[in-house]
Amino acid sequence: MGKNEENDLQSGTFTWKIDEFSKLNADKCYSEVFVIGGFKWRVSLYPKGNTVENFISMYMEVADSSTLPSGWTRYAKFSLTLVNQLDRILSITKDTEHEFNANENDWGFTRFTPLSEIHERDLVNDICIVEANVSVRKGDIKIIDNETGELMDFKGLGRIELAFHPLLEEVCLLHPSLIECQQRRSRTFVECAFTTLGRLLHFLKTTKVKDLNQDGYERLQILWDELESFKFDLTWLQPHVQSVFGMKNMTGRVDRMREDVNVLESEIRRRRAMLAAAEVDLERAKEDLVKAEQGFKKIGDVDCVIDYPLA
């Protein structure tokens, strides 16, 4: 990278504090979403390794990749640091650079560090601290529609990705206030606003409820927060979006109830196995008792007095 390009980089640092690191049960955990250079990022961490056991794996991810226009790319230089809380010099840092895109929306280190080499000083009070330093080129998203190769004007408001036009036409016809509330805004602002609206509508139209996972809910939340910042009248859409988030809560509740049922079923199977084993032991004990009683009777008459010899 040339000197002028380096000067165009915008950098920032994000610190992620992970409590009770040794008790993490999830295969993968995520940091909160953070913004550097106007772009949304997050760090993902595999506490027990990703494909390689006994190694911590860490990656940088484009947090809103599923909502970006088709053909997007984003260059970034970044480093990830496992902070040594007692001696900064002993912290572990690895750096790289990558051109993120829809097919490679995360990049990082599968073998960041062996799990056995995380000493007590790295995990003071069982707290793990990760730092991400990211440098990006401002405005580096390149919008390229793989099917049309162009953006098209939408109702004189600005150039919006063609794939969003039918969705925007439909909602603007039903809710004219969407256009009216943006007419006094700058063209750049309006383009951003309707692009974000198009992304959200596209997400809702193409995502099935059964396929929504934690990532999907987080991406929907990001889109909704962005859309609200553009001051649209969203009273027609808000109940539907909130109902989707309600499904998340219900899904979580159902999942917890399912886990409880599985635990109880496992406990019942365990106790049934113990009961079966106890019944076998009981039968054996009865057989042993019968044999012992029969042998005892052969020794002598158990009804006679014990007595003692006179001479």
C-alpha atoms as a PDB file:
ATOM      1  CA  MET A   1       0.000   0.000   0.000  1.00  0.00           C
ATOM      2  CA  GLY A   2       1.353   3.421  -0.974  1.00  0.00           C
ATOM      3  CA  LYS A   3       1.910   6.312   1.384  1.00  0.00           C
ATOM      4  CA  ASN A   4      -1.047   8.289   0.039  1.00  0.00           C
ATOM      5  CA  GLU A   5      -3.339   5.295   0.509  1.00  0.00           C
ATOM      6  CA  GLU A   6      -2.167   4.898   4.095  1.00  0.00           C
ATOM      7  CA  ASN A   7      -3.048   8.540   4.718  1.00  0.00           C
ATOM      8  CA  ASP A   8      -6.586   7.797   3.511  1.00  0.00           C
ATOM      9  CA  LEU A   9      -7.057   5.173   6.189  1.00  0.00           C
ATOM     10  CA  GLN A  10      -9.298   5.923   9.125  1.00  0.00           C
ATOM     11  CA  SER A  11      -8.474   3.933  12.265  1.00  0.00           C
ATOM     12  CA  GLY A  12     -10.134   3.108  15.533  1.00  0.00           C
ATOM     13  CA  THR A  13      -9.853   0.704  18.460  1.00  0.00           C
ATOM     14  CA  PHE A  14     -12.534  -1.379  20.141  1.00  0.00           C
ATOM     15  CA  THR A  15     -12.126  -3.161  23.496  1.00  0.00           C
ATOM     16  CA  TRP A  16     -14.124  -6.292  24.286  1.00  0.00           C
ATOM     17  CA  LYS A  17     -14.343  -7.497  27.883  1.00  0.00           C
ATOM     18  CA  ILE A  18     -15.446 -11.130  28.320  1.00  0.00           C
ATOM     19  CA  ASP A  19     -16.457 -12.074  31.866  1.00  0.00           C
ATOM     20  CA  GLU A  20     -16.168 -15.641  33.224  1.00  0.00           C
ATOM     21  CA  PHE A  21     -14.153 -16.731  30.214  1.00  0.00           C
ATOM     22  CA  SER A  22     -13.396 -20.213  31.561  1.00  0.00           C
ATOM     23  CA  LYS A  23     -17.123 -20.904  31.963  1.00  0.00           C
ATOM     24  CA  LEU A  24     -18.062 -20.161  28.344  1.00  0.00           C
ATOM     25  CA  ASN A  25     -20.118 -23.049  26.997  1.00  0.00           C
ATOM     26  CA  ALA A  26     -20.850 -21.661  23.537  1.00  0.00           C
ATOM     27  CA  ASP A  27     -18.693 -22.814  20.642  1.00  0.00           C
ATOM     28  CA  LYS A  28     -18.674 -19.245  19.306  1.00  0.00           C
ATOM     29  CA  CYS A  29     -19.297 -15.874  20.928  1.00  0.00           C
ATOM     30  CA  TYR A  30     -19.576 -12.360  19.533  1.00  0.00           C
ATOM     31  CA  SER A  31     -18.626  -8.911  20.674  1.00  0.00           C
ATOM     32  CA  GLU A  32     -21.148  -6.125  20.476  1.00  0.00           C
ATOM     33  CA  VAL A  33     -21.320  -4.325  17.144  1.00  0.00           C
ATOM     34  CA  PHE A  34     -18.992  -1.321  16.886  1.00  0.00           C
ATOM     35  CA  VAL A  35     -18.445   1.328  14.215  1.00  0.00           C
ATOM     36  CA  ILE A  36     -15.080   2.349  12.780  1.00  0.00           C
ATOM     37  CA  GLY A  37     -14.736   4.403   9.603  1.00  0.00           C
ATOM     38  CA  GLY A  38     -18.513   4.547   9.284  1.00  0.00           C
ATOM     39  CA  PHE A  39     -18.688   0.754   8.955  1.00  0.00           C
ATOM     40  CA  LYS A  40     -20.177  -1.786  11.360  1.00  0.00           C
ATOM     41  CA  TRP A  41     -17.871  -4.510  12.692  1.00  0.00           C
ATOM     42  CA  ARG A  42     -17.777  -7.146  15.375  1.00  0.00           C
ATOM     43  CA  VAL A  43     -15.251  -9.677  16.677  1.00  0.00           C
ATOM     44  CA  SER A  44     -16.057 -13.379  16.871  1.00  0.00           C
ATOM     45  CA  LEU A  45     -14.185 -15.748  19.163  1.00  0.00           C
ATOM     46  CA  TYR A  46     -14.108 -19.539  19.446  1.00  0.00           C
ATOM     47  CA  PRO A  47     -12.987 -20.241  23.042  1.00  0.00           C
ATOM     48  CA  LYS A  48     -12.234 -23.888  22.210  1.00  0.00           C
ATOM     49  CA  GLY A  49     -11.090 -23.389  18.644  1.00  0.00           C
ATOM     50  CA  ASN A  50     -12.648 -23.430  15.184  1.00  0.00           C
ATOM     51  CA  THR A  51     -11.812 -26.706  13.380  1.00  0.00           C
ATOM     52  CA  VAL A  52      -8.550 -26.845  15.356  1.00  0.00           C
ATOM     53  CA  GLU A  53      -8.979 -27.992  18.957  1.00  0.00           C
ATOM     54  CA  ASN A  54      -7.165 -26.457  21.915  1.00  0.00           C
ATOM     55  CA  PHE A  55      -6.566 -23.182  20.086  1.00  0.00           C
ATOM     56  CA  ILE A  56      -8.439 -19.933  20.541  1.00  0.00           C
ATOM     57  CA  SER A  57      -9.701 -18.701  17.163  1.00  0.00           C
ATOM     58  CA  MET A  58     -10.559 -15.026  16.530  1.00  0.00           C
ATOM     59  CA  TYR A  59     -11.961 -13.222  13.510  1.00  0.00           C
ATOM     60  CA  MET A  60     -13.080  -9.780  12.391  1.00  0.00           C
ATOM     61  CA  GLU A  61     -16.558  -9.757  10.862  1.00  0.00           C
ATOM     62  CA  VAL A  62     -18.590  -7.291   8.810  1.00  0.00           C
ATOM     63  CA  ALA A  63     -21.585  -7.046  11.145  1.00  0.00           C
ATOM     64  CA  ASP A  64     -24.172  -5.991   8.553  1.00  0.00           C
ATOM     65  CA  SER A  65     -22.957  -8.074   5.613  1.00  0.00           C
ATOM     66  CA  SER A  66     -26.366  -9.613   4.882  1.00  0.00           C
ATOM     67  CA  THR A  67     -27.940  -6.192   4.403  1.00  0.00           C
ATOM     68  CA  LEU A  68     -25.311  -4.634   2.121  1.00  0.00           C
ATOM     69  CA  PRO A  69     -25.940  -4.208  -1.603  1.00  0.00           C
ATOM     70  CA  SER A  70     -24.936  -7.118  -3.815  1.00  0.00           C
ATOM     71  CA  GLY A  71     -21.335  -7.033  -4.994  1.00  0.00           C
ATOM     72  CA  TRP A  72     -20.072  -4.990  -2.029  1.00  0.00           C
ATOM     73  CA  THR A  73     -16.426  -5.044  -1.012  1.00  0.00           C
ATOM     74  CA  ARG A  74     -14.600  -3.449   1.892  1.00  0.00           C
ATOM     75  CA  TYR A  75     -10.852  -3.313   2.522  1.00  0.00           C
ATOM     76  CA  ALA A  76      -9.469  -3.212   6.053  1.00  0.00           C
ATOM     77  CA  LYS A  77      -6.187  -3.588   7.886  1.00  0.00           C
ATOM     78  CA  PHE A  78      -6.713  -4.840  11.409  1.00  0.00           C
ATOM     79  CA  SER A  79      -5.069  -6.409  14.417  1.00  0.00           C
ATOM     80  CA  LEU A  80      -6.517  -8.487  17.237  1.00  0.00           C
ATOM     81  CA  THR A  81      -4.889  -8.479  20.669  1.00  0.00           C
ATOM     82  CA  LEU A  82      -5.340 -10.773  23.641  1.00  0.00           C
ATOM     83  CA  VAL A  83      -4.439  -8.333  26.399  1.00  0.00           C
ATOM     84  CA  ASN A  84      -2.122  -9.407  29.203  1.00  0.00           C
ATOM     85  CA  GLN A  85      -3.649  -7.504  32.090  1.00  0.00           C
ATOM     86  CA  LEU A  86      -0.493  -7.457  34.261  1.00  0.00           C
ATOM     87  CA  ASP A  87       2.168  -6.798  31.632  1.00  0.00           C
ATOM     88  CA  ARG A  88       1.082  -5.184  28.368  1.00  0.00           C
ATOM     89  CA  ILE A  89       4.348  -6.211  26.698  1.00  0.00           C
ATOM     90  CA  LEU A  90       3.338  -9.866  27.035  1.00  0.00           C
ATOM     91  CA  SER A  91       0.034  -9.339  25.202  1.00  0.00           C
ATOM     92  CA  ILE A  92      -0.493 -11.441  22.077  1.00  0.00           C
ATOM     93  CA  THR A  93      -1.186  -9.439  18.901  1.00  0.00           C
ATOM     94  CA  LYS A  94      -1.735 -10.644  15.368  1.00  0.00           C
ATOM     95  CA  ASP A  95      -2.407  -8.400  12.381  1.00  0.00           C
ATOM     96  CA  THR A  96      -3.502  -8.864   8.795  1.00  0.00           C
ATOM     97  CA  GLU A  97      -5.448  -7.189   6.008  1.00  0.00           C
ATOM     98  CA  HIS A  98      -8.337  -8.380   3.888  1.00  0.00           C
ATOM     99  CA  GLU A  99     -10.760  -7.327   1.172  1.00  0.00           C
ATOM    100  CA  PHE A 100     -14.072  -8.327   2.735  1.00  0.00           C
ATOM    101  CA  ASN A 101     -16.962  -9.309   0.467  1.00  0.00           C
ATOM    102  CA  ALA A 102     -20.209 -11.293   0.533  1.00  0.00           C
ATOM    103  CA  ASN A 103     -18.367 -14.616   0.248  1.00  0.00           C
ATOM    104  CA  GLU A 104     -15.667 -13.717   2.791  1.00  0.00           C
ATOM    105  CA  ASN A 105     -17.365 -11.469   5.322  1.00  0.00           C
ATOM    106  CA  ASP A 106     -15.070 -12.595   8.136  1.00  0.00           C
ATOM    107  CA  TRP A 107     -11.300 -12.961   8.326  1.00  0.00           C
ATOM    108  CA  GLY A 108      -8.819 -13.690  11.044  1.00  0.00           C
ATOM    109  CA  PHE A 109      -6.859 -16.361  12.843  1.00  0.00           C
ATOM    110  CA  THR A 110      -7.867 -19.985  13.326  1.00  0.00           C
ATOM    111  CA  ARG A 111      -4.768 -20.627  15.463  1.00  0.00           C
ATOM    112  CA  PHE A 112      -4.636 -17.359  17.363  1.00  0.00           C
ATOM    113  CA  THR A 113      -2.977 -18.883  20.426  1.00  0.00           C
ATOM    114  CA  PRO A 114      -2.953 -22.276  22.174  1.00  0.00           C
ATOM    115  CA  LEU A 115      -5.536 -22.445  24.918  1.00  0.00           C
ATOM    116  CA  SER A 116      -2.876 -23.852  27.256  1.00  0.00           C
ATOM    117  CA  GLU A 117      -0.784 -20.680  26.908  1.00  0.00           C
ATOM    118  CA  ILE A 118      -3.405 -18.366  28.379  1.00  0.00           C
ATOM    119  CA  HIS A 119      -1.868 -17.823  31.784  1.00  0.00           C
ATOM    120  CA  GLU A 120      -3.581 -16.575  34.898  1.00  0.00           C
ATOM    121  CA  ARG A 121      -2.176 -13.100  34.287  1.00  0.00           C
ATOM    122  CA  ASP A 122      -4.078 -12.997  30.973  1.00  0.00           C
ATOM    123  CA  LEU A 123      -7.345 -13.819  32.746  1.00  0.00           C
ATOM    124  CA  VAL A 124      -7.389 -11.750  35.902  1.00  0.00           C
ATOM    125  CA  ASN A 125     -10.567 -12.641  37.802  1.00  0.00           C
ATOM    126  CA  ASP A 126     -11.440 -14.905  34.840  1.00  0.00           C
ATOM    127  CA  ILE A 127     -11.853 -11.840  32.600  1.00  0.00           C
ATOM    128  CA  CYS A 128     -10.550 -11.973  29.035  1.00  0.00           C
ATOM    129  CA  ILE A 129      -9.866  -8.659  27.265  1.00  0.00           C
ATOM    130  CA  VAL A 130      -9.626  -8.463  23.482  1.00  0.00           C
ATOM    131  CA  GLU A 131      -8.702  -5.352  21.528  1.00  0.00           C
ATOM    132  CA  ALA A 132      -9.457  -4.828  17.849  1.00  0.00           C
ATOM    133  CA  ASN A 133      -7.640  -2.094  15.951  1.00  0.00           C
ATOM    134  CA  VAL A 134      -9.175  -1.470  12.524  1.00  0.00           C
ATOM    135  CA  SER A 135      -8.096   0.801   9.669  1.00  0.00           C
ATOM    136  CA  VAL A 136     -10.424   1.308   6.701  1.00  0.00           C
ATOM    137  CA  ARG A 137     -10.678   3.509   3.634  1.00  0.00           C
ATOM    138  CA  LYS A 138     -13.590   5.873   4.069  1.00  0.00           C
ATOM    139  CA  GLY A 139     -16.351   5.183   1.555  1.00  0.00           C
ATOM    140  CA  ASP A 140     -14.728   1.939   0.441  1.00  0.00           C
ATOM    141  CA  ILE A 141     -17.977   0.059  -0.208  1.00  0.00           C
ATOM    142  CA  LYS A 142     -18.203  -0.490  -3.956  1.00  0.00           C
ATOM    143  CA  ILE A 143     -21.804  -1.033  -5.040  1.00  0.00           C
ATOM    144  CA  ILE A 144     -21.938  -3.361  -8.031  1.00  0.00           C
ATOM    145  CA  ASP A 145     -25.181  -5.078  -8.933  1.00  0.00           C
ATOM    146  CA  ASN A 146     -24.200  -8.492 -10.241  1.00  0.00           C
ATOM    147  CA  GLU A 147     -27.303  -8.708 -12.435  1.00  0.00           C
ATOM    148  CA  THR A 148     -27.776  -5.181 -13.775  1.00  0.00           C
ATOM    149  CA  GLY A 149     -24.366  -3.647 -13.152  1.00  0.00           C
ATOM    150  CA  GLU A 150     -25.961  -0.288 -12.317  1.00  0.00           C
ATOM    151  CA  LEU A 151     -28.045   1.723  -9.922  1.00  0.00           C
ATOM    152  CA  MET A 152     -31.210   3.366 -11.168  1.00  0.00           C
ATOM    153  CA  ASP A 153     -33.091   6.526 -10.290  1.00  0.00           C
ATOM    154  CA  PHE A 154     -36.084   6.009  -8.027  1.00  0.00           C
ATOM    155  CA  LYS A 155     -38.854   8.590  -8.487  1.00  0.00           C
ATOM    156  CA  GLY A 156     -36.296  11.378  -8.905  1.00  0.00           C
ATOM    157  CA  LEU A 157     -35.167  10.871  -5.320  1.00  0.00           C
ATOM    158  CA  GLY A 158     -31.793   9.346  -6.071  1.00  0.00           C
ATOM    159  CA  ARG A 159     -30.011   6.296  -7.426  1.00  0.00           C
ATOM    160  CA  ILE A 160     -31.130   3.201  -5.548  1.00  0.00           C
ATOM    161  CA  GLU A 161     -30.167  -0.424  -6.168  1.00  0.00           C
ATOM    162  CA  LEU A 162     -32.497  -1.828  -8.806  1.00  0.00           C
ATOM    163  CA  ALA A 163     -33.406  -4.902  -6.762  1.00  0.00           C
ATOM    164  CA  PHE A 164     -35.067  -2.654  -4.172  1.00  0.00           C
ATOM    165  CA  HIS A 165     -37.276  -0.733  -6.643  1.00  0.00           C
ATOM    166  CA  PRO A 166     -40.306  -3.090  -6.687  1.00  0.00           C
ATOM    167  CA  LEU A 167     -40.376  -3.230  -2.892  1.00  0.00           C
ATOM    168  CA  LEU A 168     -40.067   0.539  -2.560  1.00  0.00           C
ATOM    169  CA  GLU A 169     -42.718   1.133  -5.246  1.00  0.00           C
ATOM    170  CA  GLU A 170     -45.158  -1.039  -3.337  1.00  0.00           C
ATOM    171  CA  VAL A 171     -44.725   0.565   0.092  1.00  0.00           C
ATOM    172  CA  CYS A 172     -44.544   4.133  -1.250  1.00  0.00           C
ATOM    173  CA  LEU A 173     -47.827   3.604  -3.095  1.00  0.00           C
ATOM    174  CA  LEU A 174     -49.473   2.467   0.128  1.00  0.00           C
ATOM    175  CA  HIS A 175     -47.683   5.013   2.350  1.00  0.00           C
ATOM    176  CA  PRO A 176     -47.054   8.295   0.410  1.00  0.00           C
ATOM    177  CA  SER A 177     -45.672   9.915   3.567  1.00  0.00           C
ATOM    178  CA  LEU A 178     -42.454   7.951   3.022  1.00  0.00           C
ATOM    179  CA  ILE A 179     -41.634  10.214   0.085  1.00  0.00           C
ATOM    180  CA  GLU A 180     -43.216  13.357   1.498  1.00  0.00           C
ATOM    181  CA  CYS A 181     -41.109  13.338   4.661  1.00  0.00           C
ATOM    182  CA  GLN A 182     -37.873  13.162   2.632  1.00  0.00           C
ATOM    183  CA  GLN A 183     -38.548  15.827   0.008  1.00  0.00           C
ATOM    184  CA  ARG A 184     -36.711  18.578   1.866  1.00  0.00           C
ATOM    185  CA  ARG A 185     -33.654  16.459   2.560  1.00  0.00           C
ATOM    186  CA  SER A 186     -30.433  16.433   0.580  1.00  0.00           C
ATOM    187  CA  ARG A 187     -30.119  13.963  -2.286  1.00  0.00           C
ATOM    188  CA  THR A 188     -27.367  12.059  -0.489  1.00  0.00           C
ATOM    189  CA  PHE A 189     -29.469  11.764   2.660  1.00  0.00           C
ATOM    190  CA  VAL A 190     -32.509  10.562   0.684  1.00  0.00           C
ATOM    191  CA  GLU A 191     -30.468   7.977  -1.218  1.00  0.00           C
ATOM    192  CA  CYS A 192     -29.145   6.586   2.058  1.00  0.00           C
ATOM    193  CA  ALA A 193     -32.618   6.603   3.598  1.00  0.00           C
ATOM    194  CA  PHE A 194     -34.335   4.719   0.783  1.00  0.00           C
ATOM    195  CA  THR A 195     -31.411   2.331   0.366  1.00  0.00           C
ATOM    196  CA  THR A 196     -31.735   1.413   4.040  1.00  0.00           C
ATOM    197  CA  LEU A 197     -35.494   1.032   3.678  1.00  0.00           C
ATOM    198  CA  GLY A 198     -34.932  -1.175   0.640  1.00  0.00           C
ATOM    199  CA  ARG A 199     -32.454  -3.336   2.551  1.00  0.00           C
ATOM    200  CA  LEU A 200     -34.885  -3.838   5.412  1.00  0.00           C
ATOM    201  CA  LEU A 201     -37.778  -4.690   3.098  1.00  0.00           C
ATOM    202  CA  HIS A 202     -35.557  -7.090   1.160  1.00  0.00           C
ATOM    203  CA  PHE A 203     -34.475  -8.752   4.412  1.00  0.00           C
ATOM    204  CA  LEU A 204     -38.093  -9.207   5.525  1.00  0.00           C
ATOM    205  CA  LYS A 205     -39.169 -10.535   2.127  1.00  0.00           C
ATOM    206  CA  THR A 206     -36.340 -13.028   1.731  1.00  0.00           C
ATOM    207  CA  THR A 207     -35.891 -14.322   5.292  1.00  0.00           C
ATOM    208  CA  LYS A 208     -38.039 -17.123   6.644  1.00  0.00           C
ATOM    209  CA  VAL A 209     -38.933 -17.084  10.309  1.00  0.00           C
ATOM    210  CA  LYS A 210     -37.729 -20.669  10.731  1.00  0.00           C
ATOM    211  CA  ASP A 211     -34.304 -19.635   9.414  1.00  0.00           C
ATOM    212  CA  LEU A 212     -33.868 -16.710  11.806  1.00  0.00           C
ATOM    213  CA  ASN A 213     -30.959 -17.317  14.164  1.00  0.00           C
ATOM    214  CA  GLN A 214     -29.139 -14.991  16.547  1.00  0.00           C
ATOM    215  CA  ASP A 215     -27.225 -13.419  13.661  1.00  0.00           C
ATOM    216  CA  GLY A 216     -30.450 -12.772  11.787  1.00  0.00           C
ATOM    217  CA  TYR A 217     -32.100 -11.049  14.739  1.00  0.00           C
ATOM    218  CA  GLU A 218     -29.010  -8.897  15.289  1.00  0.00           C
ATOM    219  CA  ARG A 219     -28.933  -7.862  11.623  1.00  0.00           C
ATOM    220  CA  LEU A 220     -32.618  -7.004  11.702  1.00  0.00           C
ATOM    221  CA  GLN A 221     -32.027  -4.873  14.812  1.00  0.00           C
ATOM    222  CA  ILE A 222     -29.177  -3.024  13.083  1.00  0.00           C
ATOM    223  CA  LEU A 223     -31.339  -2.305  10.024  1.00  0.00           C
ATOM    224  CA  TRP A 224     -34.257  -1.141  12.132  1.00  0.00           C
ATOM    225  CA  ASP A 225     -32.082   1.184  14.214  1.00  0.00           C
ATOM    226  CA  GLU A 226     -30.588   2.679  11.041  1.00  0.00           C
ATOM    227  CA  LEU A 227     -34.005   3.144   9.451  1.00  0.00           C
ATOM    228  CA  GLU A 228     -35.397   4.920  12.495  1.00  0.00           C
ATOM    229  CA  SER A 229     -32.571   7.468  12.280  1.00  0.00           C
ATOM    230  CA  PHE A 230     -33.907   8.656   8.902  1.00  0.00           C
ATOM    231  CA  LYS A 231     -37.163   9.848  10.510  1.00  0.00           C
ATOM    232  CA  PHE A 232     -39.578   7.892   8.312  1.00  0.00           C
ATOM    233  CA  ASP A 233     -43.145   7.437   9.483  1.00  0.00           C
ATOM    234  CA  LEU A 234     -42.891   3.743  10.327  1.00  0.00           C
ATOM    235  CA  THR A 235     -46.126   3.261  12.254  1.00  0.00           C
ATOM    236  CA  TRP A 236     -47.301   0.843   9.543  1.00  0.00           C
ATOM    237  CA  LEU A 237     -44.171  -1.318   9.783  1.00  0.00           C
ATOM    238  CA  GLN A 238     -43.240  -1.140  13.449  1.00  0.00           C
ATOM    239  CA  PRO A 239     -45.839  -3.645  14.756  1.00  0.00           C
ATOM    240  CA  HIS A 240     -44.668  -6.268  12.269  1.00  0.00           C
ATOM    241  CA  VAL A 241     -40.993  -5.804  13.091  1.00  0.00           C
ATOM    242  CA  GLN A 242     -41.712  -5.839  16.814  1.00  0.00           C
ATOM    243  CA  SER A 243     -43.681  -9.057  16.379  1.00  0.00           C
ATOM    244  CA  VAL A 244     -40.576 -10.617  14.797  1.00  0.00           C
ATOM    245  CA  PHE A 245     -38.521  -9.607  17.836  1.00  0.00           C
ATOM    246  CA  GLY A 246     -41.322 -11.038  19.967  1.00  0.00           C
ATOM    247  CA  MET A 247     -40.825 -14.329  18.147  1.00  0.00           C
ATOM    248  CA  LYS A 248     -37.212 -14.213  19.273  1.00  0.00           C
ATOM    249  CA  ASN A 249     -38.288 -13.988  22.910  1.00  0.00           C
ATOM    250  CA  MET A 250     -40.825 -16.774  22.409  1.00  0.00           C
ATOM    251  CA  THR A 251     -38.237 -18.886  20.600  1.00  0.00           C
ATOM    252  CA  GLY A 252     -35.835 -18.407  23.492  1.00  0.00           C
ATOM    253  CA  ARG A 253     -38.528 -19.382  25.977  1.00  0.00           C
ATOM    254  CA  VAL A 254     -39.475 -22.472  23.962  1.00  0.00           C
ATOM    255  CA  ASP A 255     -35.803 -23.431  23.648  1.00  0.00           C
ATOM    256  CA  ARG A 256     -35.350 -23.161  27.410  1.00  0.00           C
ATOM    257  CA  MET A 257     -38.492 -25.227  28.019  1.00  0.00           C
ATOM    258  CA  ARG A 258     -37.234 -27.818  25.522  1.00  0.00           C
ATOM    259  CA  GLU A 259     -33.923 -27.977  27.364  1.00  0.00           C
ATOM    260  CA  ASP A 260     -35.776 -28.483  30.660  1.00  0.00           C
ATOM    261  CA  VAL A 261     -37.805 -31.317  29.150  1.00  0.00           C
ATOM    262  CA  ASN A 262     -34.656 -32.941  27.762  1.00  0.00           C
ATOM    263  CA  VAL A 263     -32.976 -32.716  31.180  1.00  0.00           C
ATOM    264  CA  LEU A 264     -35.986 -34.278  32.913  1.00  0.00           C
ATOM    265  CA  GLU A 265     -36.227 -37.046  30.318  1.00  0.00           C
ATOM    266  CA  SER A 266     -32.525 -37.794  30.776  1.00  0.00           C
ATOM    267  CA  GLU A 267     -33.013 -37.882  34.539  1.00  0.00           C
ATOM    268  CA  ILE A 268     -35.959 -40.271  34.182  1.00  0.00           C
ATOM    269  CA  ARG A 269     -33.915 -42.563  31.932  1.00  0.00           C
ATOM    270  CA  ARG A 270     -31.076 -42.478  34.466  1.00  0.00           C
ATOM    271  CA  ARG A 271     -33.380 -43.318  37.363  1.00  0.00           C
ATOM    272  CA  ARG A 272     -35.110 -46.088  35.390  1.00  0.00           C
ATOM    273  CA  ALA A 273     -31.707 -47.612  34.685  1.00  0.00           C
ATOM    274  CA  MET A 274     -30.862 -47.378  38.403  1.00  0.00           C
ATOM    275  CA  LEU A 275     -34.219 -48.974  39.285  1.00  0.00           C
ATOM    276  CA  ALA A 276     -33.642 -51.807  36.798  1.00  0.00           C
ATOM    277  CA  ALA A 277     -30.191 -52.416  38.275  1.00  0.00           C
ATOM    278  CA  ALA A 278     -31.647 -52.350  41.800  1.00  0.00           C
ATOM    279  CA  GLU A 279     -34.332 -54.876  40.804  1.00  0.00           C
ATOM    280  CA  VAL A 280     -31.628 -57.220  39.473  1.00  0.00           C
ATOM    281  CA  ASP A 281     -29.681 -56.816  42.723  1.00  0.00           C
ATOM    282  CA  LEU A 282     -32.871 -57.529  44.696  1.00  0.00           C
ATOM    283  CA  GLU A 283     -33.524 -60.750  42.818  1.00  0.00           C
ATOM    284  CA  ARG A 284     -29.958 -61.885  43.403  1.00  0.00           C
ATOM    285  CA  ALA A 285     -30.230 -60.999  47.093  1.00  0.00           C
ATOM    286  CA  LYS A 286     -33.436 -63.056  47.374  1.00  0.00           C
ATOM    287  CA  GLU A 287     -31.761 -66.022  45.714  1.00  0.00           C
ATOM    288  CA  ASP A 288     -28.788 -65.737  48.077  1.00  0.00           C
ATOM    289  CA  LEU A 289     -31.161 -65.540  51.056  1.00  0.00           C
ATOM    290  CA  VAL A 290     -32.990 -68.688  50.022  1.00  0.00           C
ATOM    291  CA  LYS A 291     -29.703 -70.566  49.621  1.00  0.00           C
ATOM    292  CA  ALA A 292     -28.462 -69.287  52.971  1.00  0.00           C
ATOM    293  CA  GLU A 293     -31.678 -70.310  54.739  1.00  0.00           C
ATOM    294  CA  GLN A 294     -31.544 -73.775  53.190  1.00  0.00           C
ATOM    295  CA  GLY A 295     -27.934 -74.231  54.253  1.00  0.00           C
ATOM    296  CA  PHE A 296     -28.684 -73.031  57.757  1.00  0.00           C
ATOM    297  CA  LYS A 297     -31.468 -75.602  58.204  1.00  0.00           C
ATOM    298  CA  LYS A 298     -29.104 -78.421  57.276  1.00  0.00           C
ATOM    299  CA  ILE A 299     -26.801 -77.619  60.192  1.00  0.00           C
ATOM    300  CA  GLY A 300     -29.358 -78.667  62.780  1.00  0.00           C
ATOM    301  CA  ASP A 301     -32.746 -78.176  64.315  1.00  0.00           C
ATOM    302  CA  VAL A 302     -33.082 -74.476  64.783  1.00  0.00           C
ATOM    303  CA  ASP A 303     -35.963 -75.000  67.254  1.00  0.00           C
ATOM    304  CA  CYS A 304     -33.887 -76.912  69.844  1.00  0.00           C
ATOM    305  CA  VAL A 305     -32.206 -75.311  72.860  1.00  0.00           C
ATOM    306  CA  ILE A 306     -28.575 -74.544  72.406  1.00  0.00           C
ATOM    307  CA  ASP A 307     -27.733 -76.079  75.799  1.00  0.00           C
ATOM    308  CA  TYR A 308     -24.194 -76.875  76.937  1.00  0.00           C
ATOM    309  CA  PRO A 309     -22.253 -80.062  77.724  1.00  0.00           C
ATOM    310  CA  LEU A 310     -22.096 -81.371  81.331  1.00  0.00           C
ATOM    311  CA  ALA A 311     -18.700 -83.022  81.004  1.00  0.00           C
END
